[in-house]
Amino acid sequence: MTNIESGPEAQWRQALGEGRFLLQRDRESGAYTFPPRVGDDAEWVEASGRGVVYSVTTIQQRAPAEPYNVVLVDLDEGPRVMSRVEGLAPDRVTIGMRVAARISQGEDGPILLFDPAQAA
């Protein structure tokens, strides 16, 4: 059993705290994985931070709280992550939207968020 304070999850969170979004990649197959897991063949690599919204839900709360979205993002590297898209109204986030990751400071430490990607 891996200690949560020193295992892959802790390493990932530490990297976020340093402003880096990392993914694990299998050295043999080249496949990326998320969430982080224990593995002898895994190496940490910098993620592109780019992806596409796979699924979106808008959460409506009672006033005065503002609605927000919860998304599943398919990263360009392959794994799917859960997060939020910011930078536009929650109901304007759509499936298939290109997004770019950024790291922000949340109540409990650094968090991975996404913004709409700039059109190329």
N, C-alpha and C. Protein backbone atom coordinates (compact mmCIF):
# COMPACT_ATOMS: atom_id res chain seq x y z
N MET A 1 0.84 -1.18 0.00
CA MET A 1 0.00 0.00 0.00
C MET A 1 0.89 1.25 0.00
N THR A 2 0.54 2.24 -0.80
CA THR A 2 1.33 3.46 -0.94
C THR A 2 0.85 4.52 0.04
N ASN A 3 1.77 5.20 0.66
CA ASN A 3 1.44 6.29 1.56
C ASN A 3 0.94 7.47 0.73
N ILE A 4 -0.26 7.95 1.05
CA ILE A 4 -0.87 9.04 0.27
C ILE A 4 -0.04 10.32 0.31
N GLU A 5 0.77 10.47 1.37
CA GLU A 5 1.58 11.68 1.50
C GLU A 5 2.87 11.63 0.68
N SER A 6 3.21 10.44 0.15
CA SER A 6 4.44 10.35 -0.63
C SER A 6 4.25 9.60 -1.95
N GLY A 7 3.05 9.14 -2.21
CA GLY A 7 2.76 8.37 -3.42
C GLY A 7 2.58 9.25 -4.64
N PRO A 8 2.14 8.63 -5.74
CA PRO A 8 1.97 9.36 -7.00
C PRO A 8 1.02 10.55 -6.91
N GLU A 9 -0.07 10.43 -6.17
CA GLU A 9 -1.01 11.55 -6.02
C GLU A 9 -0.32 12.75 -5.37
N ALA A 10 0.47 12.49 -4.34
CA ALA A 10 1.21 13.57 -3.66
C ALA A 10 2.23 14.20 -4.60
N GLN A 11 2.90 13.38 -5.41
CA GLN A 11 3.88 13.91 -6.37
C GLN A 11 3.18 14.80 -7.39
N TRP A 12 2.00 14.37 -7.86
CA TRP A 12 1.25 15.15 -8.84
C TRP A 12 0.83 16.49 -8.24
N ARG A 13 0.31 16.46 -7.01
CA ARG A 13 -0.12 17.69 -6.34
C ARG A 13 1.05 18.62 -6.07
N GLN A 14 2.19 18.06 -5.72
CA GLN A 14 3.38 18.88 -5.50
C GLN A 14 3.78 19.60 -6.79
N ALA A 15 3.73 18.89 -7.91
CA ALA A 15 4.06 19.51 -9.20
C ALA A 15 3.07 20.63 -9.50
N LEU A 16 1.77 20.40 -9.23
CA LEU A 16 0.79 21.48 -9.44
C LEU A 16 1.16 22.70 -8.61
N GLY A 17 1.57 22.47 -7.36
CA GLY A 17 1.98 23.57 -6.49
C GLY A 17 3.17 24.34 -7.04
N GLU A 18 3.97 23.67 -7.87
CA GLU A 18 5.12 24.32 -8.51
C GLU A 18 4.76 24.91 -9.86
N GLY A 19 3.45 24.85 -10.21
CA GLY A 19 3.00 25.42 -11.48
C GLY A 19 3.18 24.50 -12.67
N ARG A 20 3.34 23.18 -12.43
CA ARG A 20 3.56 22.23 -13.52
C ARG A 20 2.44 21.21 -13.55
N PHE A 21 1.91 20.94 -14.74
CA PHE A 21 0.88 19.93 -14.96
C PHE A 21 1.58 18.72 -15.56
N LEU A 22 1.70 17.66 -14.76
CA LEU A 22 2.40 16.46 -15.19
C LEU A 22 1.44 15.30 -15.37
N LEU A 23 1.79 14.39 -16.27
CA LEU A 23 1.10 13.13 -16.46
C LEU A 23 2.14 12.02 -16.36
N GLN A 24 1.66 10.83 -16.06
CA GLN A 24 2.55 9.67 -16.11
C GLN A 24 2.47 9.05 -17.50
N ARG A 25 3.62 8.56 -17.96
CA ARG A 25 3.68 7.87 -19.25
C ARG A 25 4.43 6.56 -19.05
N ASP A 26 3.88 5.50 -19.61
CA ASP A 26 4.52 4.20 -19.55
C ASP A 26 5.74 4.22 -20.46
N ARG A 27 6.89 3.88 -19.92
CA ARG A 27 8.14 3.93 -20.69
C ARG A 27 8.13 2.95 -21.87
N GLU A 28 7.47 1.82 -21.69
CA GLU A 28 7.49 0.81 -22.76
C GLU A 28 6.46 1.10 -23.85
N SER A 29 5.22 1.36 -23.45
CA SER A 29 4.15 1.54 -24.44
C SER A 29 3.97 2.98 -24.89
N GLY A 30 4.42 3.93 -24.06
CA GLY A 30 4.22 5.35 -24.38
C GLY A 30 2.83 5.85 -24.01
N ALA A 31 1.99 4.99 -23.43
CA ALA A 31 0.62 5.39 -23.05
C ALA A 31 0.64 6.27 -21.81
N TYR A 32 -0.18 7.31 -21.84
CA TYR A 32 -0.32 8.22 -20.70
C TYR A 32 -1.42 7.71 -19.79
N THR A 33 -1.27 7.98 -18.48
CA THR A 33 -2.30 7.57 -17.53
C THR A 33 -2.65 8.72 -16.59
N PHE A 34 -3.91 8.72 -16.17
CA PHE A 34 -4.40 9.63 -15.14
C PHE A 34 -5.65 8.97 -14.58
N PRO A 35 -5.83 8.96 -13.28
CA PRO A 35 -5.01 9.60 -12.25
C PRO A 35 -3.67 8.88 -12.06
N PRO A 36 -2.74 9.56 -11.36
CA PRO A 36 -1.42 8.98 -11.14
C PRO A 36 -1.54 7.66 -10.37
N ARG A 37 -0.65 6.74 -10.70
CA ARG A 37 -0.67 5.45 -10.00
C ARG A 37 0.75 4.93 -9.83
N VAL A 38 0.88 3.97 -8.95
CA VAL A 38 2.18 3.35 -8.70
C VAL A 38 2.52 2.44 -9.87
N GLY A 39 3.75 2.53 -10.34
CA GLY A 39 4.20 1.68 -11.43
C GLY A 39 5.67 1.86 -11.68
N ASP A 40 6.37 0.75 -11.82
CA ASP A 40 7.82 0.81 -12.04
C ASP A 40 8.18 1.37 -13.41
N ASP A 41 7.28 1.22 -14.39
CA ASP A 41 7.59 1.66 -15.74
C ASP A 41 7.06 3.05 -16.06
N ALA A 42 6.55 3.75 -15.04
CA ALA A 42 5.96 5.07 -15.28
C ALA A 42 7.00 6.17 -15.10
N GLU A 43 6.93 7.14 -15.99
CA GLU A 43 7.77 8.34 -15.87
C GLU A 43 6.87 9.56 -15.90
N TRP A 44 7.27 10.62 -15.23
CA TRP A 44 6.51 11.87 -15.22
C TRP A 44 6.94 12.72 -16.41
N VAL A 45 5.95 13.24 -17.14
CA VAL A 45 6.23 14.12 -18.28
C VAL A 45 5.29 15.32 -18.23
N GLU A 46 5.76 16.42 -18.78
CA GLU A 46 4.95 17.64 -18.84
C GLU A 46 3.79 17.44 -19.81
N ALA A 47 2.58 17.74 -19.35
CA ALA A 47 1.39 17.63 -20.20
C ALA A 47 1.28 18.87 -21.09
N SER A 48 0.68 18.69 -22.25
CA SER A 48 0.46 19.83 -23.15
C SER A 48 -0.55 20.80 -22.56
N GLY A 49 -1.48 20.28 -21.76
CA GLY A 49 -2.52 21.12 -21.18
C GLY A 49 -3.68 21.37 -22.14
N ARG A 50 -3.63 20.78 -23.31
CA ARG A 50 -4.68 20.99 -24.31
C ARG A 50 -5.61 19.79 -24.32
N GLY A 51 -6.88 20.06 -24.63
CA GLY A 51 -7.84 18.98 -24.70
C GLY A 51 -9.16 19.46 -25.24
N VAL A 52 -10.15 18.57 -25.17
CA VAL A 52 -11.49 18.85 -25.67
C VAL A 52 -12.50 18.40 -24.62
N VAL A 53 -13.56 19.20 -24.46
CA VAL A 53 -14.61 18.87 -23.50
C VAL A 53 -15.36 17.64 -24.01
N TYR A 54 -15.37 16.59 -23.20
CA TYR A 54 -16.07 15.36 -23.53
C TYR A 54 -17.50 15.38 -22.99
N SER A 55 -17.67 15.97 -21.80
CA SER A 55 -18.97 16.02 -21.15
C SER A 55 -19.01 17.25 -20.26
N VAL A 56 -20.21 17.83 -20.12
CA VAL A 56 -20.35 19.02 -19.27
C VAL A 56 -21.69 18.98 -18.54
N THR A 57 -21.67 19.41 -17.29
CA THR A 57 -22.88 19.55 -16.48
C THR A 57 -22.83 20.91 -15.81
N THR A 58 -23.92 21.63 -15.85
CA THR A 58 -24.01 22.91 -15.13
C THR A 58 -24.70 22.65 -13.81
N ILE A 59 -24.06 23.08 -12.73
CA ILE A 59 -24.59 22.90 -11.38
C ILE A 59 -25.27 24.20 -10.97
N GLN A 60 -26.56 24.12 -10.74
CA GLN A 60 -27.34 25.27 -10.26
C GLN A 60 -27.48 25.17 -8.75
N GLN A 61 -27.12 26.22 -8.05
CA GLN A 61 -27.28 26.26 -6.61
C GLN A 61 -28.30 27.32 -6.25
N ARG A 62 -28.77 27.25 -5.04
CA ARG A 62 -29.69 28.28 -4.57
C ARG A 62 -28.97 29.60 -4.45
N ALA A 63 -29.69 30.69 -4.71
CA ALA A 63 -29.12 32.02 -4.58
C ALA A 63 -28.64 32.19 -3.14
N PRO A 64 -27.58 32.90 -2.91
CA PRO A 64 -26.87 33.77 -3.84
C PRO A 64 -25.72 33.09 -4.58
N ALA A 65 -25.54 31.78 -4.41
CA ALA A 65 -24.43 31.09 -5.07
C ALA A 65 -24.62 31.10 -6.59
N GLU A 66 -23.52 31.26 -7.30
CA GLU A 66 -23.53 31.29 -8.76
C GLU A 66 -23.46 29.86 -9.30
N PRO A 67 -24.07 29.60 -10.45
CA PRO A 67 -23.92 28.28 -11.07
C PRO A 67 -22.48 28.08 -11.56
N TYR A 68 -22.10 26.82 -11.67
CA TYR A 68 -20.77 26.50 -12.19
C TYR A 68 -20.88 25.22 -13.00
N ASN A 69 -19.83 24.91 -13.75
CA ASN A 69 -19.84 23.68 -14.56
C ASN A 69 -18.85 22.67 -14.01
N VAL A 70 -19.12 21.43 -14.33
CA VAL A 70 -18.19 20.33 -14.09
C VAL A 70 -18.02 19.65 -15.44
N VAL A 71 -16.77 19.46 -15.84
CA VAL A 71 -16.50 18.88 -17.16
C VAL A 71 -15.59 17.67 -17.06
N LEU A 72 -15.72 16.82 -18.06
CA LEU A 72 -14.72 15.79 -18.32
C LEU A 72 -14.00 16.26 -19.57
N VAL A 73 -12.68 16.33 -19.49
CA VAL A 73 -11.85 16.78 -20.60
C VAL A 73 -10.98 15.64 -21.08
N ASP A 74 -11.06 15.35 -22.37
CA ASP A 74 -10.15 14.40 -22.99
C ASP A 74 -8.89 15.15 -23.37
N LEU A 75 -7.79 14.86 -22.66
CA LEU A 75 -6.53 15.52 -22.95
C LEU A 75 -5.98 15.03 -24.28
N ASP A 76 -5.22 15.87 -24.95
CA ASP A 76 -4.61 15.49 -26.22
C ASP A 76 -3.73 14.25 -26.07
N GLU A 77 -3.18 14.04 -24.87
CA GLU A 77 -2.34 12.87 -24.62
C GLU A 77 -3.15 11.59 -24.44
N GLY A 78 -4.48 11.71 -24.24
CA GLY A 78 -5.32 10.53 -24.13
C GLY A 78 -6.15 10.42 -22.87
N PRO A 79 -5.58 10.66 -21.67
CA PRO A 79 -6.39 10.50 -20.46
C PRO A 79 -7.53 11.51 -20.38
N ARG A 80 -8.51 11.16 -19.59
CA ARG A 80 -9.67 12.02 -19.33
C ARG A 80 -9.58 12.51 -17.89
N VAL A 81 -9.78 13.82 -17.69
CA VAL A 81 -9.74 14.42 -16.35
C VAL A 81 -11.03 15.17 -16.07
N MET A 82 -11.37 15.26 -14.78
CA MET A 82 -12.54 16.03 -14.35
C MET A 82 -12.06 17.37 -13.82
N SER A 83 -12.78 18.43 -14.17
CA SER A 83 -12.38 19.77 -13.76
C SER A 83 -13.54 20.74 -14.00
N ARG A 84 -13.18 22.01 -14.19
CA ARG A 84 -14.13 23.06 -14.56
C ARG A 84 -13.53 23.89 -15.68
N VAL A 85 -14.41 24.48 -16.50
CA VAL A 85 -13.98 25.45 -17.50
C VAL A 85 -14.40 26.81 -17.00
N GLU A 86 -13.46 27.73 -16.97
CA GLU A 86 -13.75 29.10 -16.55
C GLU A 86 -13.52 30.04 -17.72
N GLY A 87 -13.92 31.28 -17.54
CA GLY A 87 -13.69 32.27 -18.59
C GLY A 87 -14.91 32.54 -19.43
N LEU A 88 -16.01 31.83 -19.18
CA LEU A 88 -17.29 32.12 -19.82
C LEU A 88 -18.40 31.51 -18.97
N ALA A 89 -19.62 31.90 -19.24
CA ALA A 89 -20.76 31.43 -18.45
C ALA A 89 -20.84 29.91 -18.49
N PRO A 90 -21.18 29.27 -17.37
CA PRO A 90 -21.22 27.80 -17.32
C PRO A 90 -22.08 27.17 -18.41
N ASP A 91 -23.18 27.81 -18.77
CA ASP A 91 -24.06 27.23 -19.79
C ASP A 91 -23.55 27.45 -21.22
N ARG A 92 -22.43 28.15 -21.37
CA ARG A 92 -21.82 28.36 -22.69
C ARG A 92 -20.73 27.34 -23.00
N VAL A 93 -20.39 26.51 -22.02
CA VAL A 93 -19.39 25.46 -22.24
C VAL A 93 -20.08 24.33 -22.99
N THR A 94 -19.47 23.88 -24.08
CA THR A 94 -20.11 22.87 -24.92
C THR A 94 -19.20 21.66 -25.15
N ILE A 95 -19.84 20.54 -25.40
CA ILE A 95 -19.12 19.33 -25.76
C ILE A 95 -18.38 19.60 -27.07
N GLY A 96 -17.13 19.18 -27.13
CA GLY A 96 -16.31 19.39 -28.32
C GLY A 96 -15.48 20.66 -28.28
N MET A 97 -15.69 21.51 -27.28
CA MET A 97 -14.95 22.77 -27.14
C MET A 97 -13.48 22.47 -26.81
N ARG A 98 -12.58 23.14 -27.53
CA ARG A 98 -11.15 23.04 -27.22
C ARG A 98 -10.86 23.87 -25.99
N VAL A 99 -10.05 23.31 -25.09
CA VAL A 99 -9.71 23.99 -23.85
C VAL A 99 -8.21 23.88 -23.57
N ALA A 100 -7.75 24.78 -22.72
CA ALA A 100 -6.35 24.79 -22.31
C ALA A 100 -6.29 24.85 -20.78
N ALA A 101 -5.41 24.03 -20.21
CA ALA A 101 -5.28 23.94 -18.76
C ALA A 101 -4.52 25.12 -18.19
N ARG A 102 -4.87 25.40 -16.94
CA ARG A 102 -4.09 26.35 -16.13
C ARG A 102 -4.20 25.90 -14.69
N ILE A 103 -3.26 26.31 -13.91
CA ILE A 103 -3.24 25.95 -12.50
C ILE A 103 -3.63 27.18 -11.70
N SER A 104 -4.55 27.00 -10.77
CA SER A 104 -5.03 28.10 -9.94
C SER A 104 -4.93 27.67 -8.48
N GLN A 105 -5.05 28.63 -7.60
CA GLN A 105 -5.01 28.33 -6.17
C GLN A 105 -6.44 28.20 -5.66
N GLY A 106 -6.79 27.03 -5.14
CA GLY A 106 -8.11 26.79 -4.56
C GLY A 106 -8.05 26.87 -3.05
N GLU A 107 -9.17 26.63 -2.42
CA GLU A 107 -9.23 26.68 -0.95
C GLU A 107 -8.30 25.67 -0.31
N ASP A 108 -8.14 24.50 -0.95
CA ASP A 108 -7.34 23.43 -0.38
C ASP A 108 -6.00 23.24 -1.09
N GLY A 109 -5.56 24.23 -1.84
CA GLY A 109 -4.29 24.12 -2.54
C GLY A 109 -4.46 24.32 -4.04
N PRO A 110 -3.43 24.00 -4.81
CA PRO A 110 -3.50 24.20 -6.26
C PRO A 110 -4.51 23.27 -6.91
N ILE A 111 -5.21 23.79 -7.93
CA ILE A 111 -6.18 22.99 -8.67
C ILE A 111 -5.97 23.20 -10.17
N LEU A 112 -6.35 22.18 -10.92
CA LEU A 112 -6.25 22.22 -12.38
C LEU A 112 -7.59 22.68 -12.94
N LEU A 113 -7.57 23.78 -13.66
CA LEU A 113 -8.76 24.32 -14.31
C LEU A 113 -8.50 24.43 -15.81
N PHE A 114 -9.56 24.70 -16.55
CA PHE A 114 -9.42 24.89 -18.00
C PHE A 114 -10.08 26.18 -18.43
N ASP A 115 -9.56 26.77 -19.48
CA ASP A 115 -10.14 27.95 -20.13
C ASP A 115 -10.39 27.59 -21.58
N PRO A 116 -11.35 28.28 -22.22
CA PRO A 116 -11.52 28.06 -23.67
C PRO A 116 -10.19 28.31 -24.37
N ALA A 117 -9.82 27.43 -25.31
CA ALA A 117 -8.57 27.59 -26.04
C ALA A 117 -8.72 28.69 -27.07
N GLN A 118 -7.66 29.42 -27.30
CA GLN A 118 -7.66 30.45 -28.33
C GLN A 118 -7.70 29.78 -29.69
N ALA A 119 -8.50 30.32 -30.57
CA ALA A 119 -8.57 29.78 -31.94
C ALA A 119 -7.23 29.98 -32.63
N ALA A 120 -6.80 28.98 -33.35
CA ALA A 120 -5.49 29.07 -34.03
C ALA A 120 -5.64 29.82 -35.33
